[in-house]
Amino acid sequence: MTANAMFSPIQIWLIAIRPKTLAAAVAPVIAGTAVAVHEGGEHWPMATLVMITALLLQIAANFANDAFDFRSGVDTPERLGPVRITSSGLVSADVVIKVTVGVLALAIVTGLPLAIRGGWPILALGIAAIVCAVAYTGGPLPLAHLGLGEVFVMLFFGFAAVAGTAYVQTGELTPLALATSIPVGALAVAILVINNLRDIGADRAAGKLTVAVRLGGRRTRWEYAALLVVAGAAPVVFWIVGWLNWSCVLTIVWWPFGASLWNQVTTRAGRELNPVLGNTSKALLYYSLALSAALIIS
């Protein structure tokens, strides 16, 4: 049976969308909107548009990654991760790139009202996000191949996504918005770390110098642990500063998730890390919901 016969067209594009990764787009918007509610400046139409735009940008980045990693030789049919539609021969790289352009065009349409309301800062963020969605794995100097993946994710899935969501609603860039960006961004980075930990061998062979390739497996696991600690400790810091009241205890329910993730990372390798990738994505979403509830109650 050929690869094309195994999947319907809908299934093929669902594979390319990578639903498990979409929490990285959804969670920061939830947290940023909670910050806006906490500060009394929520704007639900803008929050909805931010969510749609963030999802479109994430999907476009996933499509671009699928096509460009195949073209660069990083993804092969023998890859350890989930199926990729380009390297599996399900869809040509040219078609995937054309669809990527179409999704980015939709993101521009939904992002225009945000730029109009937020002014040049949001416009600049939008342009940078569109460029980096492609430049992450495409172009002459892909960010991921230079070991800049963690920086990219923290900037765009942390500060830009969380603080930007709050800013486009409240019109202010506040300390709380910036602080909330850190733990949410850290868990988004953790998703990337697991992905790169799994792919150390293939990435090293392809010349993709991720942070995981540079650090090695043991130190990459400690990098992951540090990100979990940042997320777990942040609500306590928020309580000490005065941003959270008794509602801080709501975030404690996330701690067992963090402990479980650490146990999974220390006992698995290679393909066994694929479920950990999905679990880290879920943990990001759960964390965002818990922290958001605490912020709204406060």
C-alpha atoms as a PDB file:
ATOM      1  CA  MET A   1       0.000   0.000   0.000  1.00  0.00           C
ATOM      2  CA  THR A   2       1.405   3.418  -0.945  1.00  0.00           C
ATOM      3  CA  ALA A   3       1.614   6.298   1.515  1.00  0.00           C
ATOM      4  CA  ASN A   4      -1.072   8.193  -0.416  1.00  0.00           C
ATOM      5  CA  ALA A   5      -3.465   5.253  -0.099  1.00  0.00           C
ATOM      6  CA  MET A   6      -3.072   5.183   3.694  1.00  0.00           C
ATOM      7  CA  PHE A   7      -4.444   8.685   4.289  1.00  0.00           C
ATOM      8  CA  SER A   8      -7.340  10.740   2.955  1.00  0.00           C
ATOM      9  CA  PRO A   9      -6.626  14.339   1.820  1.00  0.00           C
ATOM     10  CA  ILE A  10      -8.155  15.648   5.050  1.00  0.00           C
ATOM     11  CA  GLN A  11      -5.976  13.346   7.133  1.00  0.00           C
ATOM     12  CA  ILE A  12      -2.887  14.416   5.198  1.00  0.00           C
ATOM     13  CA  TRP A  13      -3.418  18.100   5.918  1.00  0.00           C
ATOM     14  CA  LEU A  14      -4.345  17.411   9.544  1.00  0.00           C
ATOM     15  CA  ILE A  15      -0.988  15.681   9.866  1.00  0.00           C
ATOM     16  CA  ALA A  16       0.697  18.766   8.403  1.00  0.00           C
ATOM     17  CA  ILE A  17      -1.201  21.117  10.735  1.00  0.00           C
ATOM     18  CA  ARG A  18       0.162  19.161  13.753  1.00  0.00           C
ATOM     19  CA  PRO A  19      -2.807  19.690  16.102  1.00  0.00           C
ATOM     20  CA  LYS A  20      -0.762  18.762  19.178  1.00  0.00           C
ATOM     21  CA  THR A  21       1.496  21.790  18.653  1.00  0.00           C
ATOM     22  CA  LEU A  22      -1.351  24.299  18.440  1.00  0.00           C
ATOM     23  CA  ALA A  23      -1.434  24.723  22.215  1.00  0.00           C
ATOM     24  CA  ALA A  24       1.699  26.809  21.736  1.00  0.00           C
ATOM     25  CA  ALA A  25      -0.454  29.306  19.807  1.00  0.00           C
ATOM     26  CA  VAL A  26      -3.576  29.095  21.980  1.00  0.00           C
ATOM     27  CA  ALA A  27      -2.056  29.168  25.478  1.00  0.00           C
ATOM     28  CA  PRO A  28      -0.254  32.550  25.197  1.00  0.00           C
ATOM     29  CA  VAL A  29      -3.411  34.235  23.897  1.00  0.00           C
ATOM     30  CA  ILE A  30      -5.409  32.844  26.822  1.00  0.00           C
ATOM     31  CA  ALA A  31      -2.779  34.100  29.271  1.00  0.00           C
ATOM     32  CA  GLY A  32      -2.504  37.502  27.595  1.00  0.00           C
ATOM     33  CA  THR A  33      -6.260  37.944  27.665  1.00  0.00           C
ATOM     34  CA  ALA A  34      -6.301  37.001  31.363  1.00  0.00           C
ATOM     35  CA  VAL A  35      -3.758  39.750  31.965  1.00  0.00           C
ATOM     36  CA  ALA A  36      -6.069  42.183  30.143  1.00  0.00           C
ATOM     37  CA  VAL A  37      -9.006  41.070  32.308  1.00  0.00           C
ATOM     38  CA  HIS A  38      -6.872  41.401  35.459  1.00  0.00           C
ATOM     39  CA  GLU A  39      -6.067  44.979  34.446  1.00  0.00           C
ATOM     40  CA  GLY A  40      -9.645  45.816  33.461  1.00  0.00           C
ATOM     41  CA  GLY A  41      -8.989  46.344  29.772  1.00  0.00           C
ATOM     42  CA  GLU A  42     -10.241  43.199  28.042  1.00  0.00           C
ATOM     43  CA  HIS A  43     -11.553  43.525  24.483  1.00  0.00           C
ATOM     44  CA  TRP A  44     -13.132  40.268  23.319  1.00  0.00           C
ATOM     45  CA  PRO A  45     -13.323  40.998  19.554  1.00  0.00           C
ATOM     46  CA  MET A  46      -9.573  41.753  19.553  1.00  0.00           C
ATOM     47  CA  ALA A  47      -8.859  38.673  21.673  1.00  0.00           C
ATOM     48  CA  THR A  48     -10.737  36.534  19.147  1.00  0.00           C
ATOM     49  CA  LEU A  49      -8.797  37.986  16.221  1.00  0.00           C
ATOM     50  CA  VAL A  50      -5.508  37.461  18.034  1.00  0.00           C
ATOM     51  CA  MET A  51      -6.426  33.804  18.611  1.00  0.00           C
ATOM     52  CA  ILE A  52      -7.300  33.243  14.950  1.00  0.00           C
ATOM     53  CA  THR A  53      -4.161  35.018  13.731  1.00  0.00           C
ATOM     54  CA  ALA A  54      -1.924  33.122  16.150  1.00  0.00           C
ATOM     55  CA  LEU A  55      -3.344  29.787  14.994  1.00  0.00           C
ATOM     56  CA  LEU A  56      -2.861  30.708  11.332  1.00  0.00           C
ATOM     57  CA  LEU A  57       0.758  31.723  11.946  1.00  0.00           C
ATOM     58  CA  GLN A  58       1.444  28.493  13.860  1.00  0.00           C
ATOM     59  CA  ILE A  59      -0.081  26.387  11.087  1.00  0.00           C
ATOM     60  CA  ALA A  60       1.894  28.286   8.440  1.00  0.00           C
ATOM     61  CA  ALA A  61       5.106  27.743  10.400  1.00  0.00           C
ATOM     62  CA  ASN A  62       4.341  24.012  10.646  1.00  0.00           C
ATOM     63  CA  PHE A  63       3.749  23.800   6.895  1.00  0.00           C
ATOM     64  CA  ALA A  64       6.950  25.711   6.139  1.00  0.00           C
ATOM     65  CA  ASN A  65       8.896  23.476   8.516  1.00  0.00           C
ATOM     66  CA  ASP A  66       7.519  20.378   6.800  1.00  0.00           C
ATOM     67  CA  ALA A  67       8.646  21.547   3.351  1.00  0.00           C
ATOM     68  CA  PHE A  68      11.972  23.200   4.198  1.00  0.00           C
ATOM     69  CA  ASP A  69      13.247  20.462   6.526  1.00  0.00           C
ATOM     70  CA  PHE A  70      12.648  17.993   3.700  1.00  0.00           C
ATOM     71  CA  ARG A  71      14.474  20.177   1.191  1.00  0.00           C
ATOM     72  CA  SER A  72      17.432  20.664   3.529  1.00  0.00           C
ATOM     73  CA  GLY A  73      17.737  16.924   4.170  1.00  0.00           C
ATOM     74  CA  VAL A  74      16.829  17.124   7.858  1.00  0.00           C
ATOM     75  CA  ASP A  75      13.606  15.130   7.425  1.00  0.00           C
ATOM     76  CA  THR A  76      13.847  11.754   5.754  1.00  0.00           C
ATOM     77  CA  PRO A  77      11.430   8.797   5.618  1.00  0.00           C
ATOM     78  CA  GLU A  78      13.450   7.299   8.508  1.00  0.00           C
ATOM     79  CA  ARG A  79      12.865  10.237  10.898  1.00  0.00           C
ATOM     80  CA  LEU A  80      12.050   9.392  14.517  1.00  0.00           C
ATOM     81  CA  GLY A  81       9.232  11.891  14.862  1.00  0.00           C
ATOM     82  CA  PRO A  82       5.644  11.752  13.611  1.00  0.00           C
ATOM     83  CA  VAL A  83       4.875  11.496   9.886  1.00  0.00           C
ATOM     84  CA  ARG A  84       5.740  14.539   7.773  1.00  0.00           C
ATOM     85  CA  ILE A  85       3.743  14.851   4.576  1.00  0.00           C
ATOM     86  CA  THR A  86       6.631  16.091   2.416  1.00  0.00           C
ATOM     87  CA  SER A  87       9.329  13.622   3.448  1.00  0.00           C
ATOM     88  CA  SER A  88       6.740  10.797   3.232  1.00  0.00           C
ATOM     89  CA  GLY A  89       5.920  11.705  -0.352  1.00  0.00           C
ATOM     90  CA  LEU A  90       2.292  12.502   0.438  1.00  0.00           C
ATOM     91  CA  VAL A  91       2.505  16.072  -0.909  1.00  0.00           C
ATOM     92  CA  SER A  92       5.271  17.797  -2.852  1.00  0.00           C
ATOM     93  CA  ALA A  93       7.311  20.535  -1.208  1.00  0.00           C
ATOM     94  CA  ASP A  94       6.167  23.027  -3.859  1.00  0.00           C
ATOM     95  CA  VAL A  95       2.511  22.435  -3.020  1.00  0.00           C
ATOM     96  CA  VAL A  96       3.145  22.728   0.720  1.00  0.00           C
ATOM     97  CA  ILE A  97       4.970  26.026   0.206  1.00  0.00           C
ATOM     98  CA  LYS A  98       2.102  27.395  -1.892  1.00  0.00           C
ATOM     99  CA  VAL A  99      -0.385  26.452   0.828  1.00  0.00           C
ATOM    100  CA  THR A 100       1.916  28.083   3.381  1.00  0.00           C
ATOM    101  CA  VAL A 101       1.750  31.341   1.427  1.00  0.00           C
ATOM    102  CA  GLY A 102      -2.047  31.086   1.359  1.00  0.00           C
ATOM    103  CA  VAL A 103      -2.264  30.595   5.133  1.00  0.00           C
ATOM    104  CA  LEU A 104       0.073  33.535   5.712  1.00  0.00           C
ATOM    105  CA  ALA A 105      -2.172  35.664   3.490  1.00  0.00           C
ATOM    106  CA  LEU A 106      -5.141  34.775   5.699  1.00  0.00           C
ATOM    107  CA  ALA A 107      -3.089  35.709   8.761  1.00  0.00           C
ATOM    108  CA  ILE A 108      -2.418  39.115   7.222  1.00  0.00           C
ATOM    109  CA  VAL A 109      -6.150  39.635   6.699  1.00  0.00           C
ATOM    110  CA  THR A 110      -7.056  38.741  10.295  1.00  0.00           C
ATOM    111  CA  GLY A 111      -4.064  40.647  11.616  1.00  0.00           C
ATOM    112  CA  LEU A 112      -4.832  43.974   9.920  1.00  0.00           C
ATOM    113  CA  PRO A 113      -7.481  45.044  12.490  1.00  0.00           C
ATOM    114  CA  LEU A 114      -4.974  44.249  15.237  1.00  0.00           C
ATOM    115  CA  ALA A 115      -2.366  46.478  13.586  1.00  0.00           C
ATOM    116  CA  ILE A 116      -4.901  49.266  13.171  1.00  0.00           C
ATOM    117  CA  ARG A 117      -5.849  49.122  16.853  1.00  0.00           C
ATOM    118  CA  GLY A 118      -2.375  48.478  18.262  1.00  0.00           C
ATOM    119  CA  GLY A 119      -0.417  50.776  15.949  1.00  0.00           C
ATOM    120  CA  TRP A 120       3.144  50.347  14.766  1.00  0.00           C
ATOM    121  CA  PRO A 121       4.257  47.989  17.611  1.00  0.00           C
ATOM    122  CA  ILE A 122       1.674  45.384  16.607  1.00  0.00           C
ATOM    123  CA  LEU A 123       2.374  45.971  12.908  1.00  0.00           C
ATOM    124  CA  ALA A 124       6.091  45.399  13.505  1.00  0.00           C
ATOM    125  CA  LEU A 125       5.375  42.249  15.530  1.00  0.00           C
ATOM    126  CA  GLY A 126       3.100  40.938  12.798  1.00  0.00           C
ATOM    127  CA  ILE A 127       5.664  41.471  10.066  1.00  0.00           C
ATOM    128  CA  ALA A 128       8.388  39.844  12.165  1.00  0.00           C
ATOM    129  CA  ALA A 129       6.131  36.875  12.954  1.00  0.00           C
ATOM    130  CA  ILE A 130       5.359  36.314   9.263  1.00  0.00           C
ATOM    131  CA  VAL A 131       9.022  36.508   8.281  1.00  0.00           C
ATOM    132  CA  CYS A 132      10.156  34.208  11.082  1.00  0.00           C
ATOM    133  CA  ALA A 133       7.414  31.660  10.389  1.00  0.00           C
ATOM    134  CA  VAL A 134       9.289  30.963   7.157  1.00  0.00           C
ATOM    135  CA  ALA A 135      12.834  31.877   8.212  1.00  0.00           C
ATOM    136  CA  TYR A 136      12.698  29.463  11.145  1.00  0.00           C
ATOM    137  CA  THR A 137      13.560  26.552   8.853  1.00  0.00           C
ATOM    138  CA  GLY A 138      13.697  28.240   5.418  1.00  0.00           C
ATOM    139  CA  GLY A 139      15.961  30.690   3.666  1.00  0.00           C
ATOM    140  CA  PRO A 140      19.776  30.750   3.415  1.00  0.00           C
ATOM    141  CA  LEU A 141      20.306  30.891   7.206  1.00  0.00           C
ATOM    142  CA  PRO A 142      17.426  29.070   8.976  1.00  0.00           C
ATOM    143  CA  LEU A 143      17.086  30.173  12.596  1.00  0.00           C
ATOM    144  CA  ALA A 144      16.607  26.605  13.821  1.00  0.00           C
ATOM    145  CA  HIS A 145      19.799  25.436  12.117  1.00  0.00           C
ATOM    146  CA  LEU A 146      21.786  28.149  13.896  1.00  0.00           C
ATOM    147  CA  GLY A 147      20.638  27.099  17.348  1.00  0.00           C
ATOM    148  CA  LEU A 148      18.313  30.095  17.708  1.00  0.00           C
ATOM    149  CA  GLY A 149      15.120  28.073  18.094  1.00  0.00           C
ATOM    150  CA  GLU A 150      14.795  28.663  21.834  1.00  0.00           C
ATOM    151  CA  VAL A 151      15.303  32.414  21.398  1.00  0.00           C
ATOM    152  CA  PHE A 152      12.738  32.526  18.594  1.00  0.00           C
ATOM    153  CA  VAL A 153      10.120  30.610  20.598  1.00  0.00           C
ATOM    154  CA  MET A 154      10.585  32.671  23.768  1.00  0.00           C
ATOM    155  CA  LEU A 155      10.325  35.930  21.835  1.00  0.00           C
ATOM    156  CA  PHE A 156       7.288  35.018  19.743  1.00  0.00           C
ATOM    157  CA  PHE A 157       5.388  32.499  21.877  1.00  0.00           C
ATOM    158  CA  GLY A 158       6.276  34.253  25.110  1.00  0.00           C
ATOM    159  CA  PHE A 159       6.762  38.008  24.987  1.00  0.00           C
ATOM    160  CA  ALA A 160       5.148  38.799  21.625  1.00  0.00           C
ATOM    161  CA  ALA A 161       2.183  36.459  22.064  1.00  0.00           C
ATOM    162  CA  VAL A 162       1.340  37.061  25.732  1.00  0.00           C
ATOM    163  CA  ALA A 163       2.325  40.717  26.121  1.00  0.00           C
ATOM    164  CA  GLY A 164       1.167  41.499  22.576  1.00  0.00           C
ATOM    165  CA  THR A 165      -2.263  39.984  23.260  1.00  0.00           C
ATOM    166  CA  ALA A 166      -2.620  42.082  26.396  1.00  0.00           C
ATOM    167  CA  TYR A 167      -1.304  45.223  24.681  1.00  0.00           C
ATOM    168  CA  VAL A 168      -3.692  45.091  21.734  1.00  0.00           C
ATOM    169  CA  GLN A 169      -6.575  44.974  24.225  1.00  0.00           C
ATOM    170  CA  THR A 170      -5.447  47.394  26.942  1.00  0.00           C
ATOM    171  CA  GLY A 171      -3.179  49.691  24.929  1.00  0.00           C
ATOM    172  CA  GLU A 172      -0.485  49.338  27.606  1.00  0.00           C
ATOM    173  CA  LEU A 173       2.662  47.249  27.999  1.00  0.00           C
ATOM    174  CA  THR A 174       2.665  46.462  31.710  1.00  0.00           C
ATOM    175  CA  PRO A 175       5.096  44.636  34.029  1.00  0.00           C
ATOM    176  CA  LEU A 176       2.480  41.927  34.624  1.00  0.00           C
ATOM    177  CA  ALA A 177       2.113  41.283  30.875  1.00  0.00           C
ATOM    178  CA  LEU A 178       5.885  40.951  30.477  1.00  0.00           C
ATOM    179  CA  ALA A 179       6.215  38.771  33.574  1.00  0.00           C
ATOM    180  CA  THR A 180       3.411  36.430  32.468  1.00  0.00           C
ATOM    181  CA  SER A 181       5.214  36.000  29.164  1.00  0.00           C
ATOM    182  CA  ILE A 182       8.152  34.310  30.888  1.00  0.00           C
ATOM    183  CA  PRO A 183       6.593  31.095  32.307  1.00  0.00           C
ATOM    184  CA  VAL A 184       4.249  30.651  29.328  1.00  0.00           C
ATOM    185  CA  GLY A 185       7.148  31.171  26.930  1.00  0.00           C
ATOM    186  CA  ALA A 186       9.302  28.776  28.956  1.00  0.00           C
ATOM    187  CA  LEU A 187       6.827  25.936  28.498  1.00  0.00           C
ATOM    188  CA  ALA A 188       6.536  26.725  24.784  1.00  0.00           C
ATOM    189  CA  VAL A 189      10.325  26.450  24.604  1.00  0.00           C
ATOM    190  CA  ALA A 190      10.066  23.121  26.452  1.00  0.00           C
ATOM    191  CA  ILE A 191       8.043  21.729  23.537  1.00  0.00           C
ATOM    192  CA  LEU A 192      10.886  22.625  21.186  1.00  0.00           C
ATOM    193  CA  VAL A 193      13.468  21.172  23.564  1.00  0.00           C
ATOM    194  CA  ILE A 194      11.750  17.771  23.562  1.00  0.00           C
ATOM    195  CA  ASN A 195      11.534  17.834  19.774  1.00  0.00           C
ATOM    196  CA  ASN A 196      15.243  18.624  19.465  1.00  0.00           C
ATOM    197  CA  LEU A 197      16.226  16.123  22.167  1.00  0.00           C
ATOM    198  CA  ARG A 198      14.523  13.358  20.196  1.00  0.00           C
ATOM    199  CA  ASP A 199      16.199  14.434  16.948  1.00  0.00           C
ATOM    200  CA  ILE A 200      19.764  15.000  18.176  1.00  0.00           C
ATOM    201  CA  GLY A 201      21.214  12.220  16.011  1.00  0.00           C
ATOM    202  CA  ALA A 202      19.422  13.174  12.794  1.00  0.00           C
ATOM    203  CA  ASP A 203      20.015  16.890  13.303  1.00  0.00           C
ATOM    204  CA  ARG A 204      23.724  16.389  13.949  1.00  0.00           C
ATOM    205  CA  ALA A 205      24.029  14.282  10.799  1.00  0.00           C
ATOM    206  CA  ALA A 206      22.238  16.948   8.739  1.00  0.00           C
ATOM    207  CA  GLY A 207      24.334  19.790  10.138  1.00  0.00           C
ATOM    208  CA  LYS A 208      21.407  21.314  12.036  1.00  0.00           C
ATOM    209  CA  LEU A 209      23.149  22.795  15.062  1.00  0.00           C
ATOM    210  CA  THR A 210      20.295  23.051  17.533  1.00  0.00           C
ATOM    211  CA  VAL A 211      20.966  23.814  21.175  1.00  0.00           C
ATOM    212  CA  ALA A 212      20.331  20.133  21.899  1.00  0.00           C
ATOM    213  CA  VAL A 213      23.020  19.109  19.418  1.00  0.00           C
ATOM    214  CA  ARG A 214      25.438  21.542  21.070  1.00  0.00           C
ATOM    215  CA  LEU A 215      24.570  20.514  24.643  1.00  0.00           C
ATOM    216  CA  GLY A 216      24.063  16.778  24.220  1.00  0.00           C
ATOM    217  CA  GLY A 217      21.299  14.638  25.684  1.00  0.00           C
ATOM    218  CA  ARG A 218      22.076  14.965  29.415  1.00  0.00           C
ATOM    219  CA  ARG A 219      22.423  18.748  29.448  1.00  0.00           C
ATOM    220  CA  THR A 220      19.371  19.154  27.215  1.00  0.00           C
ATOM    221  CA  ARG A 221      17.325  17.268  29.790  1.00  0.00           C
ATOM    222  CA  TRP A 222      18.538  19.707  32.445  1.00  0.00           C
ATOM    223  CA  GLU A 223      17.568  22.574  30.148  1.00  0.00           C
ATOM    224  CA  TYR A 224      14.069  21.079  30.045  1.00  0.00           C
ATOM    225  CA  ALA A 225      14.011  20.763  33.836  1.00  0.00           C
ATOM    226  CA  ALA A 226      14.985  24.425  34.237  1.00  0.00           C
ATOM    227  CA  LEU A 227      12.070  25.484  32.048  1.00  0.00           C
ATOM    228  CA  LEU A 228       9.654  23.435  34.179  1.00  0.00           C
ATOM    229  CA  VAL A 229      11.030  25.048  37.333  1.00  0.00           C
ATOM    230  CA  VAL A 230      10.570  28.544  35.886  1.00  0.00           C
ATOM    231  CA  ALA A 231       6.931  27.765  35.111  1.00  0.00           C
ATOM    232  CA  GLY A 232       6.258  26.193  38.492  1.00  0.00           C
ATOM    233  CA  ALA A 233       7.889  28.995  40.487  1.00  0.00           C
ATOM    234  CA  ALA A 234       6.425  31.963  38.576  1.00  0.00           C
ATOM    235  CA  PRO A 235       2.981  32.009  40.289  1.00  0.00           C
ATOM    236  CA  VAL A 236       4.684  32.073  43.689  1.00  0.00           C
ATOM    237  CA  VAL A 237       6.691  35.100  42.579  1.00  0.00           C
ATOM    238  CA  PHE A 238       3.496  36.714  41.308  1.00  0.00           C
ATOM    239  CA  TRP A 239       1.921  36.166  44.734  1.00  0.00           C
ATOM    240  CA  ILE A 240       4.922  37.704  46.512  1.00  0.00           C
ATOM    241  CA  VAL A 241       4.822  40.732  44.209  1.00  0.00           C
ATOM    242  CA  GLY A 242       1.074  41.117  44.804  1.00  0.00           C
ATOM    243  CA  TRP A 243      -0.305  40.256  41.364  1.00  0.00           C
ATOM    244  CA  LEU A 244      -2.012  37.132  42.731  1.00  0.00           C
ATOM    245  CA  ASN A 245      -3.957  36.639  45.949  1.00  0.00           C
ATOM    246  CA  TRP A 246      -5.096  33.312  47.425  1.00  0.00           C
ATOM    247  CA  SER A 247      -5.904  32.202  43.867  1.00  0.00           C
ATOM    248  CA  CYS A 248      -2.215  31.403  43.507  1.00  0.00           C
ATOM    249  CA  VAL A 249      -3.063  27.977  44.961  1.00  0.00           C
ATOM    250  CA  LEU A 250      -4.946  27.147  41.754  1.00  0.00           C
ATOM    251  CA  THR A 251      -1.632  26.852  39.936  1.00  0.00           C
ATOM    252  CA  ILE A 252      -0.399  24.189  42.351  1.00  0.00           C
ATOM    253  CA  VAL A 253      -2.560  21.645  40.518  1.00  0.00           C
ATOM    254  CA  TRP A 254      -0.074  21.946  37.646  1.00  0.00           C
ATOM    255  CA  TRP A 255       2.935  20.843  39.676  1.00  0.00           C
ATOM    256  CA  PRO A 256       2.187  17.097  39.362  1.00  0.00           C
ATOM    257  CA  PHE A 257       2.128  17.561  35.572  1.00  0.00           C
ATOM    258  CA  GLY A 258       5.599  19.093  35.736  1.00  0.00           C
ATOM    259  CA  ALA A 259       6.903  16.271  37.930  1.00  0.00           C
ATOM    260  CA  SER A 260       5.438  13.672  35.584  1.00  0.00           C
ATOM    261  CA  LEU A 261       7.032  15.326  32.565  1.00  0.00           C
ATOM    262  CA  TRP A 262      10.447  15.322  34.213  1.00  0.00           C
ATOM    263  CA  ASN A 263      10.084  11.625  35.027  1.00  0.00           C
ATOM    264  CA  GLN A 264       9.141  10.887  31.396  1.00  0.00           C
ATOM    265  CA  VAL A 265      12.097  12.833  30.004  1.00  0.00           C
ATOM    266  CA  THR A 266      14.632  11.071  32.211  1.00  0.00           C
ATOM    267  CA  THR A 267      13.397   7.584  31.325  1.00  0.00           C
ATOM    268  CA  ARG A 268      12.802   7.864  27.557  1.00  0.00           C
ATOM    269  CA  ALA A 269      14.775   8.495  24.385  1.00  0.00           C
ATOM    270  CA  GLY A 270      14.303   8.521  20.615  1.00  0.00           C
ATOM    271  CA  ARG A 271      10.783   7.692  19.421  1.00  0.00           C
ATOM    272  CA  GLU A 272       9.709   7.167  23.043  1.00  0.00           C
ATOM    273  CA  LEU A 273       9.835  10.966  23.414  1.00  0.00           C
ATOM    274  CA  ASN A 274       7.017  11.497  20.904  1.00  0.00           C
ATOM    275  CA  PRO A 275       4.296  11.125  23.577  1.00  0.00           C
ATOM    276  CA  VAL A 276       6.280  13.463  25.845  1.00  0.00           C
ATOM    277  CA  LEU A 277       6.096  16.092  23.120  1.00  0.00           C
ATOM    278  CA  GLY A 278       2.301  15.900  23.152  1.00  0.00           C
ATOM    279  CA  ASN A 279       2.197  15.826  26.951  1.00  0.00           C
ATOM    280  CA  THR A 280       4.360  18.946  27.162  1.00  0.00           C
ATOM    281  CA  SER A 281       1.983  20.711  24.803  1.00  0.00           C
ATOM    282  CA  LYS A 282      -0.957  19.705  27.018  1.00  0.00           C
ATOM    283  CA  ALA A 283       0.935  20.865  30.104  1.00  0.00           C
ATOM    284  CA  LEU A 284       1.401  24.296  28.510  1.00  0.00           C
ATOM    285  CA  LEU A 285      -2.339  24.570  27.895  1.00  0.00           C
ATOM    286  CA  TYR A 286      -3.243  23.381  31.409  1.00  0.00           C
ATOM    287  CA  TYR A 287      -0.731  25.790  32.925  1.00  0.00           C
ATOM    288  CA  SER A 288      -2.096  28.707  30.928  1.00  0.00           C
ATOM    289  CA  LEU A 289      -5.643  27.917  32.025  1.00  0.00           C
ATOM    290  CA  ALA A 290      -4.657  27.608  35.697  1.00  0.00           C
ATOM    291  CA  LEU A 291      -2.593  30.804  35.711  1.00  0.00           C
ATOM    292  CA  SER A 292      -5.287  32.656  33.775  1.00  0.00           C
ATOM    293  CA  ALA A 293      -7.958  31.610  36.263  1.00  0.00           C
ATOM    294  CA  ALA A 294      -5.757  32.835  39.102  1.00  0.00           C
ATOM    295  CA  LEU A 295      -5.157  36.183  37.384  1.00  0.00           C
ATOM    296  CA  ILE A 296      -8.864  36.722  36.658  1.00  0.00           C
ATOM    297  CA  ILE A 297      -9.881  35.864  40.222  1.00  0.00           C
ATOM    298  CA  SER A 298      -7.220  38.212  41.561  1.00  0.00           C
END
